[in-house]
Amino acid sequence: MQTVRTHLSGSGSVADTADALYCHRNTIQHRFARFHQLTGRDVRRPGDTALVAVALRAARAGDLPSPVRRAHR
């Protein structure tokens, strides 16, 4: 989740997100792919990015549980 939050709070650039988290940009791409597997949302797509940003903001405000806290299948 930290990767997604960092990405959304920054410029939206994978390279900038990697720099902020001190890791390689391929690592960020792999994390985004895993996030997509778990949630069905791709933060590299504008529509999904907006939805995820709103969901995270609501979760932080206490209105919703965190989007990754769901049963693993």
C-alpha atoms as a PDB file:
ATOM      1  CA  MET A   1       0.000   0.000   0.000  1.00  0.00           C
ATOM      2  CA  GLN A   2       2.878   2.360   0.685  1.00  0.00           C
ATOM      3  CA  THR A   3       3.941   2.074  -2.947  1.00  0.00           C
ATOM      4  CA  VAL A   4       0.474   3.005  -4.194  1.00  0.00           C
ATOM      5  CA  ARG A   5       0.149   5.870  -1.702  1.00  0.00           C
ATOM      6  CA  THR A   6       3.563   7.216  -2.679  1.00  0.00           C
ATOM      7  CA  HIS A   7       2.674   6.964  -6.356  1.00  0.00           C
ATOM      8  CA  LEU A   8      -0.632   8.771  -5.880  1.00  0.00           C
ATOM      9  CA  SER A   9       0.819  11.506  -3.682  1.00  0.00           C
ATOM     10  CA  GLY A  10       3.653  12.189  -6.124  1.00  0.00           C
ATOM     11  CA  SER A  11       3.732  13.061  -9.780  1.00  0.00           C
ATOM     12  CA  GLY A  12       2.268   9.728 -10.885  1.00  0.00           C
ATOM     13  CA  SER A  13       5.563   8.763 -12.486  1.00  0.00           C
ATOM     14  CA  VAL A  14       6.899   5.257 -11.921  1.00  0.00           C
ATOM     15  CA  ALA A  15      10.463   6.618 -11.944  1.00  0.00           C
ATOM     16  CA  ASP A  16       9.612   9.253  -9.320  1.00  0.00           C
ATOM     17  CA  THR A  17       7.872   6.630  -7.169  1.00  0.00           C
ATOM     18  CA  ALA A  18      10.933   4.369  -7.412  1.00  0.00           C
ATOM     19  CA  ASP A  19      13.219   7.248  -6.436  1.00  0.00           C
ATOM     20  CA  ALA A  20      11.027   8.141  -3.455  1.00  0.00           C
ATOM     21  CA  LEU A  21      11.042   4.519  -2.238  1.00  0.00           C
ATOM     22  CA  TYR A  22      14.734   3.917  -3.050  1.00  0.00           C
ATOM     23  CA  CYS A  23      14.071   0.975  -5.339  1.00  0.00           C
ATOM     24  CA  HIS A  24      14.235   0.109  -9.029  1.00  0.00           C
ATOM     25  CA  ARG A  25      11.340   1.107 -11.262  1.00  0.00           C
ATOM     26  CA  ASN A  26      10.826  -2.544 -12.254  1.00  0.00           C
ATOM     27  CA  THR A  27      10.141  -3.231  -8.567  1.00  0.00           C
ATOM     28  CA  ILE A  28       7.409  -0.600  -8.682  1.00  0.00           C
ATOM     29  CA  GLN A  29       5.937  -2.193 -11.820  1.00  0.00           C
ATOM     30  CA  HIS A  30       5.876  -5.595 -10.081  1.00  0.00           C
ATOM     31  CA  ARG A  31       4.185  -4.089  -7.037  1.00  0.00           C
ATOM     32  CA  PHE A  32       1.568  -2.461  -9.247  1.00  0.00           C
ATOM     33  CA  ALA A  33       0.965  -5.795 -10.973  1.00  0.00           C
ATOM     34  CA  ARG A  34       0.469  -7.471  -7.589  1.00  0.00           C
ATOM     35  CA  PHE A  35      -1.875  -4.688  -6.461  1.00  0.00           C
ATOM     36  CA  HIS A  36      -3.857  -5.257  -9.665  1.00  0.00           C
ATOM     37  CA  GLN A  37      -4.047  -9.000  -8.945  1.00  0.00           C
ATOM     38  CA  LEU A  38      -5.329  -8.378  -5.423  1.00  0.00           C
ATOM     39  CA  THR A  39      -7.766  -5.558  -6.117  1.00  0.00           C
ATOM     40  CA  GLY A  40      -8.652  -5.716  -9.793  1.00  0.00           C
ATOM     41  CA  ARG A  41      -7.552  -2.072 -10.125  1.00  0.00           C
ATOM     42  CA  ASP A  42      -4.573  -0.881 -12.154  1.00  0.00           C
ATOM     43  CA  VAL A  43      -3.100   2.365 -10.800  1.00  0.00           C
ATOM     44  CA  ARG A  44      -1.482   2.950 -14.185  1.00  0.00           C
ATOM     45  CA  ARG A  45      -4.944   3.573 -15.696  1.00  0.00           C
ATOM     46  CA  PRO A  46      -6.444   7.022 -15.005  1.00  0.00           C
ATOM     47  CA  GLY A  47      -9.922   5.759 -14.104  1.00  0.00           C
ATOM     48  CA  ASP A  48      -8.582   3.182 -11.679  1.00  0.00           C
ATOM     49  CA  THR A  49      -6.113   5.699 -10.278  1.00  0.00           C
ATOM     50  CA  ALA A  50      -8.940   8.078  -9.388  1.00  0.00           C
ATOM     51  CA  LEU A  51     -10.987   5.290  -7.815  1.00  0.00           C
ATOM     52  CA  VAL A  52      -8.071   4.000  -5.753  1.00  0.00           C
ATOM     53  CA  ALA A  53      -7.177   7.541  -4.625  1.00  0.00           C
ATOM     54  CA  VAL A  54     -10.733   8.162  -3.402  1.00  0.00           C
ATOM     55  CA  ALA A  55     -10.886   4.744  -1.700  1.00  0.00           C
ATOM     56  CA  LEU A  56      -7.598   5.322   0.109  1.00  0.00           C
ATOM     57  CA  ARG A  57      -8.660   8.792   1.217  1.00  0.00           C
ATOM     58  CA  ALA A  58     -11.961   7.419   2.528  1.00  0.00           C
ATOM     59  CA  ALA A  59     -10.184   4.550   4.286  1.00  0.00           C
ATOM     60  CA  ARG A  60      -7.797   7.007   5.922  1.00  0.00           C
ATOM     61  CA  ALA A  61     -10.772   9.066   7.093  1.00  0.00           C
ATOM     62  CA  GLY A  62     -12.211   5.938   8.677  1.00  0.00           C
ATOM     63  CA  ASP A  63     -15.202   5.601   6.365  1.00  0.00           C
ATOM     64  CA  LEU A  64     -14.062   2.347   4.749  1.00  0.00           C
ATOM     65  CA  PRO A  65     -11.754  -0.533   5.612  1.00  0.00           C
ATOM     66  CA  SER A  66      -8.439  -0.603   3.784  1.00  0.00           C
ATOM     67  CA  PRO A  67      -8.935  -1.964   0.233  1.00  0.00           C
ATOM     68  CA  VAL A  68      -6.268  -4.664   0.693  1.00  0.00           C
ATOM     69  CA  ARG A  69      -7.778  -6.076   3.856  1.00  0.00           C
ATOM     70  CA  ARG A  70      -9.902  -8.701   2.255  1.00  0.00           C
ATOM     71  CA  ALA A  71      -9.903 -12.459   2.453  1.00  0.00           C
ATOM     72  CA  HIS A  72      -7.203 -14.115   0.382  1.00  0.00           C
ATOM     73  CA  ARG A  73      -8.491 -16.844  -1.877  1.00  0.00           C
END
